[in-house]
Full PDB file with SEQRES, HELIX, SHEET, SSBOND, CRYST1, ORIGX, SCALE, CONECT and MASTER records, all heavy atoms in Angstrom:
SEQRES   1 A   44  ALA VAL ALA GLY THR THR ARG ASP VAL VAL ARG GLY SER          
SEQRES   2 A   44  LEU GLN ILE GLU GLY ILE PRO LEU HIS ILE ILE ASP THR          
SEQRES   3 A   44  ALA GLY LEU ARG ALA THR ASP ASP GLU ILE GLU LYS ILE          
SEQRES   4 A   44  GLY ILE GLU ARG THR                                          
HELIX    1 AA1 GLU A   35  ARG A   43  1                                   9    
SHEET    1 AA1 2 VAL A  10  ILE A  16  0                                        
SHEET    2 AA1 2 ILE A  19  ASP A  25 -1                                        
CRYST1    1.000    1.000    1.000  90.00  90.00  90.00 P 1           1          
ORIGX1      1.000000  0.000000  0.000000        0.00000                         
ORIGX2      0.000000  1.000000  0.000000        0.00000                         
ORIGX3      0.000000  0.000000  1.000000        0.00000                         
SCALE1      1.000000  0.000000  0.000000        0.00000                         
SCALE2      0.000000  1.000000  0.000000        0.00000                         
SCALE3      0.000000  0.000000  1.000000        0.00000                         
ATOM      1  N   ALA A   1       0.832  -1.221  -0.017  1.00  0.00           N  
ATOM      2  CA  ALA A   1       0.017  -0.008  -0.015  1.00  0.00           C  
ATOM      3  C   ALA A   1       0.868   1.280  -0.013  1.00  0.00           C  
ATOM      4  O   ALA A   1       0.330   2.380  -0.093  1.00  0.00           O  
ATOM      5  CB  ALA A   1      -0.914  -0.019   1.224  1.00  0.00           C  
ATOM      6  N   VAL A   2       2.179   1.107   0.088  1.00  0.00           N  
ATOM      7  CA  VAL A   2       3.078   2.237   0.131  1.00  0.00           C  
ATOM      8  C   VAL A   2       3.367   2.761  -1.265  1.00  0.00           C  
ATOM      9  O   VAL A   2       3.801   2.001  -2.132  1.00  0.00           O  
ATOM     10  CB  VAL A   2       4.416   1.836   0.823  1.00  0.00           C  
ATOM     11  CG1 VAL A   2       5.366   3.057   0.859  1.00  0.00           C  
ATOM     12  CG2 VAL A   2       4.173   1.338   2.224  1.00  0.00           C  
ATOM     13  N   ALA A   3       3.043   4.011  -1.510  1.00  0.00           N  
ATOM     14  CA  ALA A   3       3.323   4.602  -2.816  1.00  0.00           C  
ATOM     15  C   ALA A   3       4.797   4.627  -3.128  1.00  0.00           C  
ATOM     16  O   ALA A   3       5.620   4.918  -2.244  1.00  0.00           O  
ATOM     17  CB  ALA A   3       2.749   6.031  -2.861  1.00  0.00           C  
ATOM     18  N   GLY A   4       5.159   4.303  -4.374  1.00  0.00           N  
ATOM     19  CA  GLY A   4       6.568   4.286  -4.734  1.00  0.00           C  
ATOM     20  C   GLY A   4       7.272   3.015  -4.457  1.00  0.00           C  
ATOM     21  O   GLY A   4       8.524   3.012  -4.435  1.00  0.00           O  
ATOM     22  N   THR A   5       6.552   1.921  -4.211  1.00  0.00           N  
ATOM     23  CA  THR A   5       7.217   0.646  -3.915  1.00  0.00           C  
ATOM     24  C   THR A   5       8.095   0.202  -5.092  1.00  0.00           C  
ATOM     25  O   THR A   5       9.229  -0.233  -4.917  1.00  0.00           O  
ATOM     26  CB  THR A   5       6.189  -0.449  -3.606  1.00  0.00           C  
ATOM     27  OG1 THR A   5       5.446  -0.017  -2.412  1.00  0.00           O  
ATOM     28  CG2 THR A   5       6.845  -1.742  -3.332  1.00  0.00           C  
ATOM     29  N   THR A   6       7.547   0.285  -6.326  1.00  0.00           N  
ATOM     30  CA  THR A   6       8.305  -0.062  -7.522  1.00  0.00           C  
ATOM     31  C   THR A   6       9.212   1.093  -7.894  1.00  0.00           C  
ATOM     32  O   THR A   6       8.727   2.166  -8.247  1.00  0.00           O  
ATOM     33  CB  THR A   6       7.386  -0.414  -8.687  1.00  0.00           C  
ATOM     34  OG1 THR A   6       6.507  -1.473  -8.297  1.00  0.00           O  
ATOM     35  CG2 THR A   6       8.193  -0.866  -9.886  1.00  0.00           C  
ATOM     36  N   ARG A   7      10.518   0.836  -7.818  1.00  0.00           N  
ATOM     37  CA  ARG A   7      11.473   1.890  -8.121  1.00  0.00           C  
ATOM     38  C   ARG A   7      12.318   1.599  -9.353  1.00  0.00           C  
ATOM     39  O   ARG A   7      13.079   2.448  -9.778  1.00  0.00           O  
ATOM     40  CB  ARG A   7      12.411   2.116  -6.945  1.00  0.00           C  
ATOM     41  CG  ARG A   7      11.679   2.573  -5.677  1.00  0.00           C  
ATOM     42  CD  ARG A   7      12.644   3.002  -4.600  1.00  0.00           C  
ATOM     43  NE  ARG A   7      11.939   3.572  -3.461  1.00  0.00           N  
ATOM     44  CZ  ARG A   7      12.530   4.360  -2.568  1.00  0.00           C  
ATOM     45  NH1 ARG A   7      13.798   4.636  -2.705  1.00  0.00           N  
ATOM     46  NH2 ARG A   7      11.852   4.845  -1.566  1.00  0.00           N  
ATOM     47  N   ASP A   8      12.201   0.393  -9.925  1.00  0.00           N  
ATOM     48  CA  ASP A   8      12.943   0.018 -11.089  1.00  0.00           C  
ATOM     49  C   ASP A   8      12.009  -0.707 -12.032  1.00  0.00           C  
ATOM     50  O   ASP A   8      10.879  -1.100 -11.703  1.00  0.00           O  
ATOM     51  CB  ASP A   8      14.143  -0.842 -10.716  1.00  0.00           C  
ATOM     52  CG  ASP A   8      15.227  -0.810 -11.766  1.00  0.00           C  
ATOM     53  OD1 ASP A   8      14.987  -0.196 -12.855  1.00  0.00           O  
ATOM     54  OD2 ASP A   8      16.304  -1.370 -11.525  1.00  0.00           O  
ATOM     55  N   VAL A   9      12.488  -0.931 -13.246  1.00  0.00           N  
ATOM     56  CA  VAL A   9      11.696  -1.633 -14.260  1.00  0.00           C  
ATOM     57  C   VAL A   9      11.628  -3.124 -13.901  1.00  0.00           C  
ATOM     58  O   VAL A   9      12.642  -3.726 -13.573  1.00  0.00           O  
ATOM     59  CB  VAL A   9      12.362  -1.444 -15.631  1.00  0.00           C  
ATOM     60  CG1 VAL A   9      11.717  -2.335 -16.666  1.00  0.00           C  
ATOM     61  CG2 VAL A   9      12.257   0.030 -16.035  1.00  0.00           C  
ATOM     62  N   VAL A  10      10.429  -3.671 -13.933  1.00  0.00           N  
ATOM     63  CA  VAL A  10      10.182  -5.135 -13.706  1.00  0.00           C  
ATOM     64  C   VAL A  10       9.543  -5.674 -14.974  1.00  0.00           C  
ATOM     65  O   VAL A  10       8.583  -5.086 -15.450  1.00  0.00           O  
ATOM     66  CB  VAL A  10       9.311  -5.379 -12.499  1.00  0.00           C  
ATOM     67  CG1 VAL A  10       9.093  -6.859 -12.279  1.00  0.00           C  
ATOM     68  CG2 VAL A  10       9.921  -4.727 -11.215  1.00  0.00           C  
ATOM     69  N   ARG A  11      10.077  -6.766 -15.489  1.00  0.00           N  
ATOM     70  CA  ARG A  11       9.611  -7.327 -16.762  1.00  0.00           C  
ATOM     71  C   ARG A  11       8.915  -8.671 -16.555  1.00  0.00           C  
ATOM     72  O   ARG A  11       9.364  -9.476 -15.713  1.00  0.00           O  
ATOM     73  CB  ARG A  11      10.748  -7.506 -17.761  1.00  0.00           C  
ATOM     74  CG  ARG A  11      11.486  -6.236 -17.999  1.00  0.00           C  
ATOM     75  CD  ARG A  11      12.736  -6.442 -18.888  1.00  0.00           C  
ATOM     76  NE  ARG A  11      13.545  -5.271 -18.929  1.00  0.00           N  
ATOM     77  CZ  ARG A  11      13.387  -4.273 -19.799  1.00  0.00           C  
ATOM     78  NH1 ARG A  11      12.445  -4.366 -20.705  1.00  0.00           N  
ATOM     79  NH2 ARG A  11      14.165  -3.208 -19.809  1.00  0.00           N  
ATOM     80  N   GLY A  12       7.876  -8.919 -17.302  1.00  0.00           N  
ATOM     81  CA  GLY A  12       7.228 -10.191 -17.311  1.00  0.00           C  
ATOM     82  C   GLY A  12       6.837 -10.570 -18.742  1.00  0.00           C  
ATOM     83  O   GLY A  12       6.548  -9.674 -19.552  1.00  0.00           O  
ATOM     84  N   SER A  13       6.839 -11.862 -19.091  1.00  0.00           N  
ATOM     85  CA  SER A  13       6.475 -12.298 -20.413  1.00  0.00           C  
ATOM     86  C   SER A  13       5.383 -13.337 -20.333  1.00  0.00           C  
ATOM     87  O   SER A  13       5.365 -14.195 -19.436  1.00  0.00           O  
ATOM     88  CB  SER A  13       7.676 -12.889 -21.126  1.00  0.00           C  
ATOM     89  OG  SER A  13       8.653 -11.903 -21.365  1.00  0.00           O  
ATOM     90  N   LEU A  14       4.466 -13.275 -21.247  1.00  0.00           N  
ATOM     91  CA  LEU A  14       3.372 -14.238 -21.371  1.00  0.00           C  
ATOM     92  C   LEU A  14       2.958 -14.300 -22.831  1.00  0.00           C  
ATOM     93  O   LEU A  14       3.577 -13.677 -23.692  1.00  0.00           O  
ATOM     94  CB  LEU A  14       2.188 -13.844 -20.486  1.00  0.00           C  
ATOM     95  CG  LEU A  14       1.541 -12.467 -20.757  1.00  0.00           C  
ATOM     96  CD1 LEU A  14       0.030 -12.530 -20.497  1.00  0.00           C  
ATOM     97  CD2 LEU A  14       2.160 -11.437 -19.829  1.00  0.00           C  
ATOM     98  N   GLN A  15       1.923 -15.046 -23.144  1.00  0.00           N  
ATOM     99  CA  GLN A  15       1.461 -15.082 -24.514  1.00  0.00           C  
ATOM    100  C   GLN A  15      -0.061 -15.079 -24.540  1.00  0.00           C  
ATOM    101  O   GLN A  15      -0.710 -15.572 -23.632  1.00  0.00           O  
ATOM    102  CB  GLN A  15       1.973 -16.328 -25.254  1.00  0.00           C  
ATOM    103  CG  GLN A  15       1.614 -17.644 -24.600  1.00  0.00           C  
ATOM    104  CD  GLN A  15       1.959 -18.824 -25.491  1.00  0.00           C  
ATOM    105  OE1 GLN A  15       1.381 -18.974 -26.579  1.00  0.00           O  
ATOM    106  NE2 GLN A  15       2.885 -19.636 -25.037  1.00  0.00           N  
ATOM    107  N   ILE A  16      -0.571 -14.426 -25.570  1.00  0.00           N  
ATOM    108  CA  ILE A  16      -2.014 -14.365 -25.817  1.00  0.00           C  
ATOM    109  C   ILE A  16      -2.265 -14.842 -27.233  1.00  0.00           C  
ATOM    110  O   ILE A  16      -1.799 -14.245 -28.185  1.00  0.00           O  
ATOM    111  CB  ILE A  16      -2.583 -12.926 -25.647  1.00  0.00           C  
ATOM    112  CG1 ILE A  16      -2.234 -12.367 -24.262  1.00  0.00           C  
ATOM    113  CG2 ILE A  16      -4.041 -12.892 -25.847  1.00  0.00           C  
ATOM    114  CD1 ILE A  16      -2.658 -10.926 -24.083  1.00  0.00           C  
ATOM    115  N   GLU A  17      -2.940 -15.972 -27.348  1.00  0.00           N  
ATOM    116  CA  GLU A  17      -3.188 -16.577 -28.631  1.00  0.00           C  
ATOM    117  C   GLU A  17      -1.944 -16.718 -29.477  1.00  0.00           C  
ATOM    118  O   GLU A  17      -1.970 -16.475 -30.722  1.00  0.00           O  
ATOM    119  CB  GLU A  17      -4.280 -15.797 -29.398  1.00  0.00           C  
ATOM    120  CG  GLU A  17      -5.638 -15.824 -28.737  1.00  0.00           C  
ATOM    121  CD  GLU A  17      -6.728 -15.240 -29.602  1.00  0.00           C  
ATOM    122  OE1 GLU A  17      -6.515 -15.055 -30.802  1.00  0.00           O  
ATOM    123  OE2 GLU A  17      -7.801 -14.945 -29.061  1.00  0.00           O  
ATOM    124  N   GLY A  18      -0.862 -17.095 -28.851  1.00  0.00           N  
ATOM    125  CA  GLY A  18       0.395 -17.333 -29.577  1.00  0.00           C  
ATOM    126  C   GLY A  18       1.269 -16.102 -29.726  1.00  0.00           C  
ATOM    127  O   GLY A  18       2.401 -16.225 -30.197  1.00  0.00           O  
ATOM    128  N   ILE A  19       0.764 -14.900 -29.374  1.00  0.00           N  
ATOM    129  CA  ILE A  19       1.561 -13.677 -29.488  1.00  0.00           C  
ATOM    130  C   ILE A  19       2.366 -13.474 -28.203  1.00  0.00           C  
ATOM    131  O   ILE A  19       1.766 -13.352 -27.124  1.00  0.00           O  
ATOM    132  CB  ILE A  19       0.687 -12.442 -29.728  1.00  0.00           C  
ATOM    133  CG1 ILE A  19      -0.088 -12.597 -31.028  1.00  0.00           C  
ATOM    134  CG2 ILE A  19       1.515 -11.166 -29.750  1.00  0.00           C  
ATOM    135  CD1 ILE A  19       0.743 -12.585 -32.262  1.00  0.00           C  
ATOM    136  N   PRO A  20       3.687 -13.416 -28.284  1.00  0.00           N  
ATOM    137  CA  PRO A  20       4.459 -13.092 -27.064  1.00  0.00           C  
ATOM    138  C   PRO A  20       4.203 -11.672 -26.597  1.00  0.00           C  
ATOM    139  O   PRO A  20       4.183 -10.758 -27.393  1.00  0.00           O  
ATOM    140  CB  PRO A  20       5.949 -13.265 -27.510  1.00  0.00           C  
ATOM    141  CG  PRO A  20       5.889 -13.990 -28.790  1.00  0.00           C  
ATOM    142  CD  PRO A  20       4.556 -13.663 -29.439  1.00  0.00           C  
ATOM    143  N   LEU A  21       3.930 -11.557 -25.327  1.00  0.00           N  
ATOM    144  CA  LEU A  21       3.618 -10.249 -24.776  1.00  0.00           C  
ATOM    145  C   LEU A  21       4.667  -9.938 -23.664  1.00  0.00           C  
ATOM    146  O   LEU A  21       4.824 -10.683 -22.720  1.00  0.00           O  
ATOM    147  CB  LEU A  21       2.235 -10.272 -24.103  1.00  0.00           C  
ATOM    148  CG  LEU A  21       1.514  -8.928 -23.882  1.00  0.00           C  
ATOM    149  CD1 LEU A  21       1.233  -8.266 -25.222  1.00  0.00           C  
ATOM    150  CD2 LEU A  21       0.241  -9.121 -23.084  1.00  0.00           C  
ATOM    151  N   HIS A  22       5.431  -8.866 -23.916  1.00  0.00           N  
ATOM    152  CA  HIS A  22       6.479  -8.466 -23.007  1.00  0.00           C  
ATOM    153  C   HIS A  22       5.980  -7.237 -22.214  1.00  0.00           C  
ATOM    154  O   HIS A  22       5.891  -6.127 -22.740  1.00  0.00           O  
ATOM    155  CB  HIS A  22       7.769  -8.113 -23.760  1.00  0.00           C  
ATOM    156  CG  HIS A  22       8.132  -9.152 -24.800  1.00  0.00           C  
ATOM    157  ND1 HIS A  22       8.481 -10.440 -24.429  1.00  0.00           N  
ATOM    158  CD2 HIS A  22       8.159  -9.126 -26.154  1.00  0.00           C  
ATOM    159  CE1 HIS A  22       8.745 -11.134 -25.521  1.00  0.00           C  
ATOM    160  NE2 HIS A  22       8.561 -10.369 -26.573  1.00  0.00           N  
ATOM    161  N   ILE A  23       5.607  -7.480 -20.953  1.00  0.00           N  
ATOM    162  CA  ILE A  23       5.023  -6.425 -20.126  1.00  0.00           C  
ATOM    163  C   ILE A  23       6.075  -5.844 -19.202  1.00  0.00           C  
ATOM    164  O   ILE A  23       6.842  -6.583 -18.543  1.00  0.00           O  
ATOM    165  CB  ILE A  23       3.833  -6.958 -19.306  1.00  0.00           C  
ATOM    166  CG1 ILE A  23       2.835  -7.582 -20.263  1.00  0.00           C  
ATOM    167  CG2 ILE A  23       3.198  -5.842 -18.529  1.00  0.00           C  
ATOM    168  CD1 ILE A  23       1.636  -8.165 -19.572  1.00  0.00           C  
ATOM    169  N   ILE A  24       6.100  -4.545 -19.107  1.00  0.00           N  
ATOM    170  CA  ILE A  24       7.090  -3.828 -18.308  1.00  0.00           C  
ATOM    171  C   ILE A  24       6.407  -2.984 -17.263  1.00  0.00           C  
ATOM    172  O   ILE A  24       5.642  -2.084 -17.596  1.00  0.00           O  
ATOM    173  CB  ILE A  24       8.013  -2.969 -19.210  1.00  0.00           C  
ATOM    174  CG1 ILE A  24       8.683  -3.822 -20.260  1.00  0.00           C  
ATOM    175  CG2 ILE A  24       9.070  -2.252 -18.349  1.00  0.00           C  
ATOM    176  CD1 ILE A  24       8.887  -3.111 -21.553  1.00  0.00           C  
ATOM    177  N   ASP A  25       6.597  -3.352 -15.995  1.00  0.00           N  
ATOM    178  CA  ASP A  25       6.057  -2.545 -14.891  1.00  0.00           C  
ATOM    179  C   ASP A  25       7.119  -1.458 -14.549  1.00  0.00           C  
ATOM    180  O   ASP A  25       8.318  -1.765 -14.495  1.00  0.00           O  
ATOM    181  CB  ASP A  25       5.832  -3.425 -13.682  1.00  0.00           C  
ATOM    182  CG  ASP A  25       5.229  -2.696 -12.487  1.00  0.00           C  
ATOM    183  OD1 ASP A  25       4.730  -1.609 -12.700  1.00  0.00           O  
ATOM    184  OD2 ASP A  25       5.305  -3.220 -11.370  1.00  0.00           O  
ATOM    185  N   THR A  26       6.650  -0.264 -14.385  1.00  0.00           N  
ATOM    186  CA  THR A  26       7.580   0.861 -14.185  1.00  0.00           C  
ATOM    187  C   THR A  26       7.298   1.589 -12.893  1.00  0.00           C  
ATOM    188  O   THR A  26       6.285   1.417 -12.255  1.00  0.00           O  
ATOM    189  CB  THR A  26       7.465   1.858 -15.364  1.00  0.00           C  
ATOM    190  OG1 THR A  26       6.139   2.377 -15.371  1.00  0.00           O  
ATOM    191  CG2 THR A  26       7.770   1.176 -16.687  1.00  0.00           C  
ATOM    192  N   ALA A  27       8.265   2.438 -12.537  1.00  0.00           N  
ATOM    193  CA  ALA A  27       8.100   3.301 -11.386  1.00  0.00           C  
ATOM    194  C   ALA A  27       6.984   4.292 -11.599  1.00  0.00           C  
ATOM    195  O   ALA A  27       6.747   4.750 -12.713  1.00  0.00           O  
ATOM    196  CB  ALA A  27       9.408   4.036 -11.083  1.00  0.00           C  
ATOM    197  N   GLY A  28       6.236   4.594 -10.531  1.00  0.00           N  
ATOM    198  CA  GLY A  28       5.147   5.554 -10.597  1.00  0.00           C  
ATOM    199  C   GLY A  28       5.690   6.931 -11.034  1.00  0.00           C  
ATOM    200  O   GLY A  28       6.785   7.374 -10.527  1.00  0.00           O  
ATOM    201  N   LEU A  29       5.046   7.621 -11.927  1.00  0.00           N  
ATOM    202  CA  LEU A  29       5.478   8.910 -12.444  1.00  0.00           C  
ATOM    203  C   LEU A  29       4.960  10.024 -11.543  1.00  0.00           C  
ATOM    204  O   LEU A  29       3.741  10.263 -11.485  1.00  0.00           O  
ATOM    205  CB  LEU A  29       5.009   9.126 -13.885  1.00  0.00           C  
ATOM    206  CG  LEU A  29       5.504   8.080 -14.904  1.00  0.00           C  
ATOM    207  CD1 LEU A  29       4.853   8.257 -16.261  1.00  0.00           C  
ATOM    208  CD2 LEU A  29       7.028   8.151 -15.050  1.00  0.00           C  
ATOM    209  N   ARG A  30       5.875  10.657 -10.827  1.00  0.00           N  
ATOM    210  CA  ARG A  30       5.522  11.739  -9.950  1.00  0.00           C  
ATOM    211  C   ARG A  30       6.761  12.553  -9.654  1.00  0.00           C  
ATOM    212  O   ARG A  30       7.890  12.084  -9.844  1.00  0.00           O  
ATOM    213  CB  ARG A  30       4.900  11.247  -8.661  1.00  0.00           C  
ATOM    214  CG  ARG A  30       5.880  10.460  -7.767  1.00  0.00           C  
ATOM    215  CD  ARG A  30       5.323  10.100  -6.444  1.00  0.00           C  
ATOM    216  NE  ARG A  30       6.230   9.324  -5.626  1.00  0.00           N  
ATOM    217  CZ  ARG A  30       6.007   8.959  -4.380  1.00  0.00           C  
ATOM    218  NH1 ARG A  30       4.865   9.266  -3.824  1.00  0.00           N  
ATOM    219  NH2 ARG A  30       6.894   8.213  -3.697  1.00  0.00           N  
ATOM    220  N   ALA A  31       6.575  13.762  -9.140  1.00  0.00           N  
ATOM    221  CA  ALA A  31       7.726  14.594  -8.707  1.00  0.00           C  
ATOM    222  C   ALA A  31       8.202  13.971  -7.372  1.00  0.00           C  
ATOM    223  O   ALA A  31       7.425  13.696  -6.481  1.00  0.00           O  
ATOM    224  CB  ALA A  31       7.289  16.015  -8.526  1.00  0.00           C  
ATOM    225  N   THR A  32       9.511  13.814  -7.236  1.00  0.00           N  
ATOM    226  CA  THR A  32      10.065  13.211  -6.031  1.00  0.00           C  
ATOM    227  C   THR A  32      11.471  13.744  -5.781  1.00  0.00           C  
ATOM    228  O   THR A  32      12.192  14.119  -6.717  1.00  0.00           O  
ATOM    229  CB  THR A  32      10.095  11.656  -6.165  1.00  0.00           C  
ATOM    230  OG1 THR A  32      10.687  11.103  -4.986  1.00  0.00           O  
ATOM    231  CG2 THR A  32      10.923  11.226  -7.365  1.00  0.00           C  
ATOM    232  N   ASP A  33      11.841  13.734  -4.490  1.00  0.00           N  
ATOM    233  CA  ASP A  33      13.220  14.082  -4.130  1.00  0.00           C  
ATOM    234  C   ASP A  33      14.108  12.865  -3.877  1.00  0.00           C  
ATOM    235  O   ASP A  33      15.282  12.987  -3.600  1.00  0.00           O  
ATOM    236  CB  ASP A  33      13.207  14.987  -2.852  1.00  0.00           C  
ATOM    237  CG  ASP A  33      12.553  16.310  -3.087  1.00  0.00           C  
ATOM    238  OD1 ASP A  33      12.713  16.833  -4.205  1.00  0.00           O  
ATOM    239  OD2 ASP A  33      11.884  16.839  -2.214  1.00  0.00           O  
ATOM    240  N   ASP A  34      13.486  11.675  -3.948  1.00  0.00           N  
ATOM    241  CA  ASP A  34      14.185  10.436  -3.738  1.00  0.00           C  
ATOM    242  C   ASP A  34      15.038  10.114  -4.937  1.00  0.00           C  
ATOM    243  O   ASP A  34      14.562   9.942  -6.054  1.00  0.00           O  
ATOM    244  CB  ASP A  34      13.206   9.314  -3.481  1.00  0.00           C  
ATOM    245  CG  ASP A  34      13.881   8.010  -3.043  1.00  0.00           C  
ATOM    246  OD1 ASP A  34      14.773   7.586  -3.741  1.00  0.00           O  
ATOM    247  OD2 ASP A  34      13.469   7.444  -2.019  1.00  0.00           O  
ATOM    248  N   GLU A  35      16.387  10.092  -4.758  1.00  0.00           N  
ATOM    249  CA  GLU A  35      17.333   9.908  -5.893  1.00  0.00           C  
ATOM    250  C   GLU A  35      17.099   8.521  -6.582  1.00  0.00           C  
ATOM    251  O   GLU A  35      17.164   8.436  -7.801  1.00  0.00           O  
ATOM    252  CB  GLU A  35      18.750   9.998  -5.411  1.00  0.00           C  
ATOM    253  CG  GLU A  35      19.184  11.406  -5.007  1.00  0.00           C  
ATOM    254  CD  GLU A  35      19.047  12.379  -6.193  1.00  0.00           C  
ATOM    255  OE1 GLU A  35      19.380  12.018  -7.343  1.00  0.00           O  
ATOM    256  OE2 GLU A  35      18.586  13.516  -5.962  1.00  0.00           O  
ATOM    257  N   ILE A  36      16.810   7.479  -5.823  1.00  0.00           N  
ATOM    258  CA  ILE A  36      16.620   6.186  -6.402  1.00  0.00           C  
ATOM    259  C   ILE A  36      15.342   6.159  -7.240  1.00  0.00           C  
ATOM    260  O   ILE A  36      15.279   5.665  -8.338  1.00  0.00           O  
ATOM    261  CB  ILE A  36      16.559   5.091  -5.313  1.00  0.00           C  
ATOM    262  CG1 ILE A  36      17.922   4.989  -4.603  1.00  0.00           C  
ATOM    263  CG2 ILE A  36      16.215   3.742  -5.913  1.00  0.00           C  
ATOM    264  CD1 ILE A  36      17.949   4.022  -3.398  1.00  0.00           C  
ATOM    265  N   GLU A  37      14.278   6.773  -6.655  1.00  0.00           N  
ATOM    266  CA  GLU A  37      13.016   6.827  -7.408  1.00  0.00           C  
ATOM    267  C   GLU A  37      13.185   7.667  -8.682  1.00  0.00           C  
ATOM    268  O   GLU A  37      12.559   7.314  -9.733  1.00  0.00           O  
ATOM    269  CB  GLU A  37      11.927   7.396  -6.506  1.00  0.00           C  
ATOM    270  CG  GLU A  37      10.529   7.140  -7.044  1.00  0.00           C  
ATOM    271  CD  GLU A  37       9.448   7.594  -6.052  1.00  0.00           C  
ATOM    272  OE1 GLU A  37       9.788   7.970  -4.926  1.00  0.00           O  
ATOM    273  OE2 GLU A  37       8.259   7.564  -6.440  1.00  0.00           O  
ATOM    274  N   LYS A  38      13.981   8.722  -8.606  1.00  0.00           N  
ATOM    275  CA  LYS A  38      14.214   9.547  -9.813  1.00  0.00           C  
ATOM    276  C   LYS A  38      14.812   8.711 -10.946  1.00  0.00           C  
ATOM    277  O   LYS A  38      14.409   8.848 -12.116  1.00  0.00           O  
ATOM    278  CB  LYS A  38      15.124  10.737  -9.462  1.00  0.00           C  
ATOM    279  CG  LYS A  38      14.456  11.904  -8.784  1.00  0.00           C  
ATOM    280  CD  LYS A  38      15.464  12.995  -8.563  1.00  0.00           C  
ATOM    281  CE  LYS A  38      14.805  14.201  -7.895  1.00  0.00           C  
ATOM    282  NZ  LYS A  38      15.806  15.330  -7.666  1.00  0.00           N  
ATOM    283  N   ILE A  39      15.763   7.863 -10.570  1.00  0.00           N  
ATOM    284  CA  ILE A  39      16.427   7.011 -11.596  1.00  0.00           C  
ATOM    285  C   ILE A  39      15.419   6.096 -12.198  1.00  0.00           C  
ATOM    286  O   ILE A  39      15.349   5.857 -13.405  1.00  0.00           O  
ATOM    287  CB  ILE A  39      17.583   6.228 -10.953  1.00  0.00           C  
ATOM    288  CG1 ILE A  39      18.703   7.192 -10.547  1.00  0.00           C  
ATOM    289  CG2 ILE A  39      18.142   5.214 -11.958  1.00  0.00           C  
ATOM    290  CD1 ILE A  39      19.813   6.549  -9.772  1.00  0.00           C  
ATOM    291  N   GLY A  40      14.507   5.535 -11.329  1.00  0.00           N  
ATOM    292  CA  GLY A  40      13.466   4.628 -11.830  1.00  0.00           C  
ATOM    293  C   GLY A  40      12.526   5.336 -12.784  1.00  0.00           C  
ATOM    294  O   GLY A  40      12.090   4.773 -13.817  1.00  0.00           O  
ATOM    295  N   ILE A  41      12.208   6.575 -12.495  1.00  0.00           N  
ATOM    296  CA  ILE A  41      11.285   7.355 -13.357  1.00  0.00           C  
ATOM    297  C   ILE A  41      11.941   7.648 -14.711  1.00  0.00           C  
ATOM    298  O   ILE A  41      11.315   7.577 -15.778  1.00  0.00           O  
ATOM    299  CB  ILE A  41      10.835   8.654 -12.670  1.00  0.00           C  
ATOM    300  CG1 ILE A  41       9.939   8.308 -11.464  1.00  0.00           C  
ATOM    301  CG2 ILE A  41      10.163   9.604 -13.626  1.00  0.00           C  
ATOM    302  CD1 ILE A  41       9.598   9.483 -10.582  1.00  0.00           C  
ATOM    303  N   GLU A  42      13.289   7.959 -14.679  1.00  0.00           N  
ATOM    304  CA  GLU A  42      14.014   8.173 -15.935  1.00  0.00           C  
ATOM    305  C   GLU A  42      13.969   6.901 -16.793  1.00  0.00           C  
ATOM    306  O   GLU A  42      13.805   6.957 -18.025  1.00  0.00           O  
ATOM    307  CB  GLU A  42      15.465   8.567 -15.668  1.00  0.00           C  
ATOM    308  CG  GLU A  42      15.582   9.969 -15.058  1.00  0.00           C  
ATOM    309  CD  GLU A  42      17.055  10.250 -14.651  1.00  0.00           C  
ATOM    310  OE1 GLU A  42      17.897   9.358 -14.851  1.00  0.00           O  
ATOM    311  OE2 GLU A  42      17.260  11.333 -14.095  1.00  0.00           O  
ATOM    312  N   ARG A  43      14.154   5.754 -16.178  1.00  0.00           N  
ATOM    313  CA  ARG A  43      14.088   4.491 -16.893  1.00  0.00           C  
ATOM    314  C   ARG A  43      12.699   4.236 -17.463  1.00  0.00           C  
ATOM    315  O   ARG A  43      12.531   3.650 -18.523  1.00  0.00           O  
ATOM    316  CB  ARG A  43      14.540   3.324 -15.985  1.00  0.00           C  
ATOM    317  CG  ARG A  43      16.043   3.403 -15.635  1.00  0.00           C  
ATOM    318  CD  ARG A  43      16.417   2.218 -14.770  1.00  0.00           C  
ATOM    319  NE  ARG A  43      17.870   2.306 -14.481  1.00  0.00           N  
ATOM    320  CZ  ARG A  43      18.507   1.392 -13.727  1.00  0.00           C  
ATOM    321  NH1 ARG A  43      17.862   0.431 -13.160  1.00  0.00           N  
ATOM    322  NH2 ARG A  43      19.829   1.521 -13.527  1.00  0.00           N  
ATOM    323  N   THR A  44      11.680   4.640 -16.666  1.00  0.00           N  
ATOM    324  CA  THR A  44      10.321   4.516 -17.190  1.00  0.00           C  
ATOM    325  C   THR A  44      10.136   5.189 -18.527  1.00  0.00           C  
ATOM    326  O   THR A  44       9.598   4.624 -19.483  1.00  0.00           O  
ATOM    327  CB  THR A  44       9.332   5.072 -16.155  1.00  0.00           C  
ATOM    328  OG1 THR A  44       9.342   4.310 -14.962  1.00  0.00           O  
ATOM    329  CG2 THR A  44       7.904   5.092 -16.709  1.00  0.00           C  
TER     330      THR A  44                                                      
MASTER        0    0    0    1    2    0    0    6  329    1    0    4          
END                                                                             
């Protein structure tokens, strides 16, 4: 329930009707002073 838990890119792969789906979970986009979270947002 803590905002900003995801700070880096997380990847998952699955398939839908034979199509590979590469899903990328990213850091929440917001203004922040947290240096680690800033890096995650840049990667997003």
